[in-house]
PDB file of N, CA and C in Angstrom:
ATOM      1  N   UNK A   1       0.840  -1.178   0.000  1.00  0.00           N
ATOM      2  CA  UNK A   1       0.000   0.000   0.000  1.00  0.00           C
ATOM      3  C   UNK A   1       0.884   1.240   0.000  1.00  0.00           C
ATOM      4  N   UNK A   2       0.554   2.212  -0.821  1.00  0.00           N
ATOM      5  CA  UNK A   2       1.340   3.434  -0.905  1.00  0.00           C
ATOM      6  C   UNK A   2       1.083   4.297   0.321  1.00  0.00           C
ATOM      7  N   UNK A   3       2.134   5.000   0.729  1.00  0.00           N
ATOM      8  CA  UNK A   3       1.960   5.885   1.869  1.00  0.00           C
ATOM      9  C   UNK A   3       1.297   7.182   1.426  1.00  0.00           C
ATOM     10  N   UNK A   4       0.719   7.878   2.366  1.00  0.00           N
ATOM     11  CA  UNK A   4       0.054   9.142   2.058  1.00  0.00           C
ATOM     12  C   UNK A   4       1.093  10.217   1.772  1.00  0.00           C
ATOM     13  N   UNK A   5       0.800  11.094   0.810  1.00  0.00           N
ATOM     14  CA  UNK A   5       1.736  12.185   0.528  1.00  0.00           C
ATOM     15  C   UNK A   5       1.813  13.128   1.722  1.00  0.00           C
ATOM     16  N   UNK A   6       3.009  13.620   2.003  1.00  0.00           N
ATOM     17  CA  UNK A   6       3.190  14.447   3.192  1.00  0.00           C
ATOM     18  C   UNK A   6       3.589  15.881   2.885  1.00  0.00           C
ATOM     19  N   UNK A   7       4.020  16.171   1.682  1.00  0.00           N
ATOM     20  CA  UNK A   7       4.405  17.536   1.343  1.00  0.00           C
ATOM     21  C   UNK A   7       3.549  18.047   0.200  1.00  0.00           C
ATOM     22  N   UNK A   8       3.547  19.365   0.039  1.00  0.00           N
ATOM     23  CA  UNK A   8       2.783  19.963  -1.058  1.00  0.00           C
ATOM     24  C   UNK A   8       3.264  19.432  -2.399  1.00  0.00           C
ATOM     25  N   UNK A   9       4.571  19.245  -2.534  1.00  0.00           N
ATOM     26  CA  UNK A   9       5.119  18.738  -3.787  1.00  0.00           C
ATOM     27  C   UNK A   9       4.618  17.329  -4.069  1.00  0.00           C
ATOM     28  N   UNK A  10       4.593  16.483  -3.056  1.00  0.00           N
ATOM     29  CA  UNK A  10       4.096  15.118  -3.236  1.00  0.00           C
ATOM     30  C   UNK A  10       2.616  15.111  -3.597  1.00  0.00           C
ATOM     31  N   UNK A  11       1.838  15.990  -2.978  1.00  0.00           N
ATOM     32  CA  UNK A  11       0.413  16.079  -3.291  1.00  0.00           C
ATOM     33  C   UNK A  11       0.235  16.515  -4.736  1.00  0.00           C
ATOM     34  N   UNK A  12       0.965  17.548  -5.143  1.00  0.00           N
ATOM     35  CA  UNK A  12       0.876  18.041  -6.521  1.00  0.00           C
ATOM     36  C   UNK A  12       1.289  16.957  -7.507  1.00  0.00           C
ATOM     37  N   UNK A  13       2.320  16.201  -7.164  1.00  0.00           N
ATOM     38  CA  UNK A  13       2.795  15.127  -8.035  1.00  0.00           C
ATOM     39  C   UNK A  13       1.726  14.044  -8.193  1.00  0.00           C
ATOM     40  N   UNK A  14       1.093  13.660  -7.096  1.00  0.00           N
ATOM     41  CA  UNK A  14       0.033  12.646  -7.142  1.00  0.00           C
ATOM     42  C   UNK A  14      -1.135  13.114  -8.008  1.00  0.00           C
ATOM     43  N   UNK A  15      -1.552  14.366  -7.814  1.00  0.00           N
ATOM     44  CA  UNK A  15      -2.657  14.918  -8.605  1.00  0.00           C
ATOM     45  C   UNK A  15      -2.291  14.923 -10.078  1.00  0.00           C
ATOM     46  N   UNK A  16      -1.075  15.345 -10.374  1.00  0.00           N
ATOM     47  CA  UNK A  16      -0.615  15.421 -11.760  1.00  0.00           C
ATOM     48  C   UNK A  16      -0.618  14.051 -12.415  1.00  0.00           C
ATOM     49  N   UNK A  17      -0.058  13.060 -11.755  1.00  0.00           N
ATOM     50  CA  UNK A  17       0.010  11.718 -12.331  1.00  0.00           C
ATOM     51  C   UNK A  17      -1.377  11.135 -12.585  1.00  0.00           C
ATOM     52  N   UNK A  18      -2.274  11.320 -11.644  1.00  0.00           N
ATOM     53  CA  UNK A  18      -3.637  10.811 -11.823  1.00  0.00           C
ATOM     54  C   UNK A  18      -4.337  11.517 -12.975  1.00  0.00           C
ATOM     55  N   UNK A  19      -4.157  12.822 -13.064  1.00  0.00           N
ATOM     56  CA  UNK A  19      -4.793  13.583 -14.143  1.00  0.00           C
ATOM     57  C   UNK A  19      -4.221  13.200 -15.501  1.00  0.00           C
ATOM     58  N   UNK A  20      -2.908  13.006 -15.583  1.00  0.00           N
ATOM     59  CA  UNK A  20      -2.289  12.613 -16.849  1.00  0.00           C
ATOM     60  C   UNK A  20      -2.795  11.246 -17.297  1.00  0.00           C
ATOM     61  N   UNK A  21      -2.933  10.316 -16.364  1.00  0.00           N
ATOM     62  CA  UNK A  21      -3.470   8.997 -16.705  1.00  0.00           C
ATOM     63  C   UNK A  21      -4.894   9.121 -17.245  1.00  0.00           C
ATOM     64  N   UNK A  22      -5.706   9.941 -16.601  1.00  0.00           N
ATOM     65  CA  UNK A  22      -7.095  10.127 -17.033  1.00  0.00           C
ATOM     66  C   UNK A  22      -7.153  10.790 -18.405  1.00  0.00           C
ATOM     67  N   UNK A  23      -6.298  11.786 -18.646  1.00  0.00           N
ATOM     68  CA  UNK A  23      -6.299  12.478 -19.934  1.00  0.00           C
ATOM     69  C   UNK A  23      -5.981  11.521 -21.069  1.00  0.00           C
ATOM     70  N   UNK A  24      -5.081  10.591 -20.840  1.00  0.00           N
ATOM     71  CA  UNK A  24      -4.697   9.661 -21.896  1.00  0.00           C
ATOM     72  C   UNK A  24      -5.866   8.791 -22.327  1.00  0.00           C
ATOM     73  N   UNK A  25      -6.772   8.495 -21.416  1.00  0.00           N
ATOM     74  CA  UNK A  25      -7.918   7.659 -21.784  1.00  0.00           C
ATOM     75  C   UNK A  25      -9.080   8.478 -22.332  1.00  0.00           C
ATOM     76  N   UNK A  26      -9.076   9.790 -22.110  1.00  0.00           N
ATOM     77  CA  UNK A  26     -10.190  10.634 -22.547  1.00  0.00           C
ATOM     78  C   UNK A  26     -10.085  11.102 -23.994  1.00  0.00           C
ATOM     79  N   UNK A  27      -8.904  11.158 -24.560  1.00  0.00           N
ATOM     80  CA  UNK A  27      -8.748  11.636 -25.928  1.00  0.00           C
ATOM     81  C   UNK A  27      -9.062  10.502 -26.889  1.00  0.00           C
ATOM     82  N   UNK A  28      -9.794  10.821 -27.934  1.00  0.00           N
ATOM     83  CA  UNK A  28     -10.151   9.811 -28.922  1.00  0.00           C
ATOM     84  C   UNK A  28      -8.948   9.361 -29.726  1.00  0.00           C
ATOM     85  N   UNK A  29      -9.043   8.180 -30.299  1.00  0.00           N
ATOM     86  CA  UNK A  29      -7.940   7.647 -31.102  1.00  0.00           C
ATOM     87  C   UNK A  29      -8.066   8.044 -32.563  1.00  0.00           C
ATOM     88  N   UNK A  30      -9.145   8.736 -32.903  1.00  0.00           N
ATOM     89  CA  UNK A  30      -9.371   9.101 -34.298  1.00  0.00           C
ATOM     90  C   UNK A  30      -8.898  10.515 -34.638  1.00  0.00           C
ATOM     91  N   UNK A  31      -8.034  11.095 -33.800  1.00  0.00           N
ATOM     92  CA  UNK A  31      -7.509  12.426 -34.086  1.00  0.00           C
ATOM     93  C   UNK A  31      -6.042  12.328 -34.480  1.00  0.00           C
ATOM     94  N   UNK A  32      -5.579  13.340 -35.198  1.00  0.00           N
ATOM     95  CA  UNK A  32      -4.183  13.335 -35.646  1.00  0.00           C
ATOM     96  C   UNK A  32      -3.249  13.540 -34.457  1.00  0.00           C
ATOM     97  N   UNK A  33      -1.992  13.183 -34.648  1.00  0.00           N
ATOM     98  CA  UNK A  33      -0.995  13.346 -33.588  1.00  0.00           C
ATOM     99  C   UNK A  33      -0.854  14.818 -33.208  1.00  0.00           C
ATOM    100  N   UNK A  34      -0.909  15.695 -34.195  1.00  0.00           N
ATOM    101  CA  UNK A  34      -0.781  17.131 -33.926  1.00  0.00           C
ATOM    102  C   UNK A  34      -1.952  17.637 -33.073  1.00  0.00           C
ATOM    103  N   UNK A  35      -3.158  17.201 -33.420  1.00  0.00           N
ATOM    104  CA  UNK A  35      -4.348  17.598 -32.662  1.00  0.00           C
ATOM    105  C   UNK A  35      -4.292  17.017 -31.240  1.00  0.00           C
ATOM    106  N   UNK A  36      -3.856  15.780 -31.126  1.00  0.00           N
ATOM    107  CA  UNK A  36      -3.716  15.137 -29.818  1.00  0.00           C
ATOM    108  C   UNK A  36      -2.739  15.928 -28.950  1.00  0.00           C
ATOM    109  N   UNK A  37      -1.577  16.272 -29.526  1.00  0.00           N
ATOM    110  CA  UNK A  37      -0.564  17.018 -28.778  1.00  0.00           C
ATOM    111  C   UNK A  37      -1.082  18.383 -28.349  1.00  0.00           C
ATOM    112  N   UNK A  38      -1.838  19.029 -29.214  1.00  0.00           N
ATOM    113  CA  UNK A  38      -2.402  20.339 -28.894  1.00  0.00           C
ATOM    114  C   UNK A  38      -3.390  20.232 -27.735  1.00  0.00           C
ATOM    115  N   UNK A  39      -4.280  19.255 -27.791  1.00  0.00           N
ATOM    116  CA  UNK A  39      -5.251  19.045 -26.711  1.00  0.00           C
ATOM    117  C   UNK A  39      -4.543  18.675 -25.409  1.00  0.00           C
ATOM    118  N   UNK A  40      -3.539  17.829 -25.513  1.00  0.00           N
ATOM    119  CA  UNK A  40      -2.790  17.377 -24.345  1.00  0.00           C
ATOM    120  C   UNK A  40      -2.089  18.558 -23.678  1.00  0.00           C
ATOM    121  N   UNK A  41      -1.462  19.416 -24.489  1.00  0.00           N
ATOM    122  CA  UNK A  41      -0.767  20.589 -23.959  1.00  0.00           C
ATOM    123  C   UNK A  41      -1.746  21.536 -23.267  1.00  0.00           C
ATOM    124  N   UNK A  42      -2.910  21.735 -23.859  1.00  0.00           N
ATOM    125  CA  UNK A  42      -3.917  22.608 -23.253  1.00  0.00           C
ATOM    126  C   UNK A  42      -4.399  22.042 -21.919  1.00  0.00           C
ATOM    127  N   UNK A  43      -4.608  20.742 -21.860  1.00  0.00           N
ATOM    128  CA  UNK A  43      -5.057  20.108 -20.616  1.00  0.00           C
ATOM    129  C   UNK A  43      -3.982  20.180 -19.537  1.00  0.00           C
ATOM    130  N   UNK A  44      -2.736  19.980 -19.917  1.00  0.00           N
ATOM    131  CA  UNK A  44      -1.639  20.069 -18.951  1.00  0.00           C
ATOM    132  C   UNK A  44      -1.539  21.489 -18.408  1.00  0.00           C
ATOM    133  N   UNK A  45      -1.686  22.480 -19.282  1.00  0.00           N
ATOM    134  CA  UNK A  45      -1.657  23.873 -18.855  1.00  0.00           C
ATOM    135  C   UNK A  45      -2.748  24.138 -17.821  1.00  0.00           C
ATOM    136  N   UNK A  46      -3.974  23.689 -18.095  1.00  0.00           N
ATOM    137  CA  UNK A  46      -5.079  23.866 -17.144  1.00  0.00           C
ATOM    138  C   UNK A  46      -4.791  23.132 -15.836  1.00  0.00           C
ATOM    139  N   UNK A  47      -4.243  21.943 -15.949  1.00  0.00           N
ATOM    140  CA  UNK A  47      -3.938  21.137 -14.775  1.00  0.00           C
ATOM    141  C   UNK A  47      -2.947  21.844 -13.858  1.00  0.00           C
ATOM    142  N   UNK A  48      -1.845  22.335 -14.422  1.00  0.00           N
ATOM    143  CA  UNK A  48      -0.836  22.972 -13.589  1.00  0.00           C
ATOM    144  C   UNK A  48      -1.341  24.271 -12.973  1.00  0.00           C
ATOM    145  N   UNK A  49      -2.175  25.009 -13.693  1.00  0.00           N
ATOM    146  CA  UNK A  49      -2.776  26.213 -13.109  1.00  0.00           C
ATOM    147  C   UNK A  49      -3.663  25.831 -11.930  1.00  0.00           C
ATOM    148  N   UNK A  50      -4.403  24.746 -12.078  1.00  0.00           N
ATOM    149  CA  UNK A  50      -5.278  24.275 -11.016  1.00  0.00           C
ATOM    150  C   UNK A  50      -4.473  23.812  -9.804  1.00  0.00           C
ATOM    151  N   UNK A  51      -3.400  23.084 -10.040  1.00  0.00           N
ATOM    152  CA  UNK A  51      -2.547  22.613  -8.943  1.00  0.00           C
ATOM    153  C   UNK A  51      -1.927  23.801  -8.223  1.00  0.00           C
ATOM    154  N   UNK A  52      -1.412  24.761  -8.981  1.00  0.00           N
ATOM    155  CA  UNK A  52      -0.796  25.942  -8.375  1.00  0.00           C
ATOM    156  C   UNK A  52      -1.807  26.664  -7.488  1.00  0.00           C
ATOM    157  N   UNK A  53      -3.024  26.849  -8.007  1.00  0.00           N
ATOM    158  CA  UNK A  53      -4.058  27.545  -7.246  1.00  0.00           C
ATOM    159  C   UNK A  53      -4.385  26.785  -5.964  1.00  0.00           C
ATOM    160  N   UNK A  54      -4.517  25.467  -6.053  1.00  0.00           N
ATOM    161  CA  UNK A  54      -4.846  24.657  -4.877  1.00  0.00           C
ATOM    162  C   UNK A  54      -3.747  24.732  -3.824  1.00  0.00           C
ATOM    163  N   UNK A  55      -2.497  24.638  -4.255  1.00  0.00           N
ATOM    164  CA  UNK A  55      -1.375  24.701  -3.313  1.00  0.00           C
ATOM    165  C   UNK A  55      -1.278  26.096  -2.708  1.00  0.00           C
ATOM    166  N   UNK A  56      -1.461  27.128  -3.532  1.00  0.00           N
ATOM    167  CA  UNK A  56      -1.407  28.508  -3.052  1.00  0.00           C
ATOM    168  C   UNK A  56      -2.497  28.754  -2.008  1.00  0.00           C
ATOM    169  N   UNK A  57      -3.715  28.320  -2.301  1.00  0.00           N
ATOM    170  CA  UNK A  57      -4.827  28.505  -1.365  1.00  0.00           C
ATOM    171  C   UNK A  57      -4.578  27.731  -0.067  1.00  0.00           C
ATOM    172  N   UNK A  58      -4.034  26.532  -0.172  1.00  0.00           N
ATOM    173  CA  UNK A  58      -3.728  25.744   1.027  1.00  0.00           C
ATOM    174  C   UNK A  58      -2.664  26.443   1.860  1.00  0.00           C
ATOM    175  N   UNK A  59      -1.665  27.004   1.193  1.00  0.00           N
ATOM    176  CA  UNK A  59      -0.611  27.753   1.878  1.00  0.00           C
ATOM    177  C   UNK A  59      -1.190  28.958   2.608  1.00  0.00           C
ATOM    178  N   UNK A  60      -2.078  29.676   1.929  1.00  0.00           N
ATOM    179  CA  UNK A  60      -2.705  30.851   2.527  1.00  0.00           C
ATOM    180  C   UNK A  60      -3.484  30.465   3.775  1.00  0.00           C
ATOM    181  N   UNK A  61      -4.127  29.329   3.728  1.00  0.00           N
ATOM    182  CA  UNK A  61      -4.912  28.870   4.863  1.00  0.00           C
ATOM    183  C   UNK A  61      -4.061  28.497   6.067  1.00  0.00           C
ATOM    184  N   UNK A  62      -2.807  28.150   5.829  1.00  0.00           N
ATOM    185  CA  UNK A  62      -1.918  27.767   6.923  1.00  0.00           C
ATOM    186  C   UNK A  62      -1.299  28.973   7.613  1.00  0.00           C
ATOM    187  N   UNK A  63      -1.291  30.096   6.932  1.00  0.00           N
ATOM    188  CA  UNK A  63      -0.651  31.302   7.501  1.00  0.00           C
ATOM    189  C   UNK A  63      -1.622  32.190   8.208  1.00  0.00           C
TER     190      UNK A  63
END
């Protein structure tokens, strides 16, 4: 059994890995590689903005 994440970095890493796995199954196989890469990049951008916001808000709550 995996241990629980204990730092903000570990939490962000766990969220990122889970989201990347989900994104890979959500994109259709009938799109071109260029379109896939474009969608993937856009989703990663949204993901990292979301992670940053969550970590920032959690930090604010601790202070």
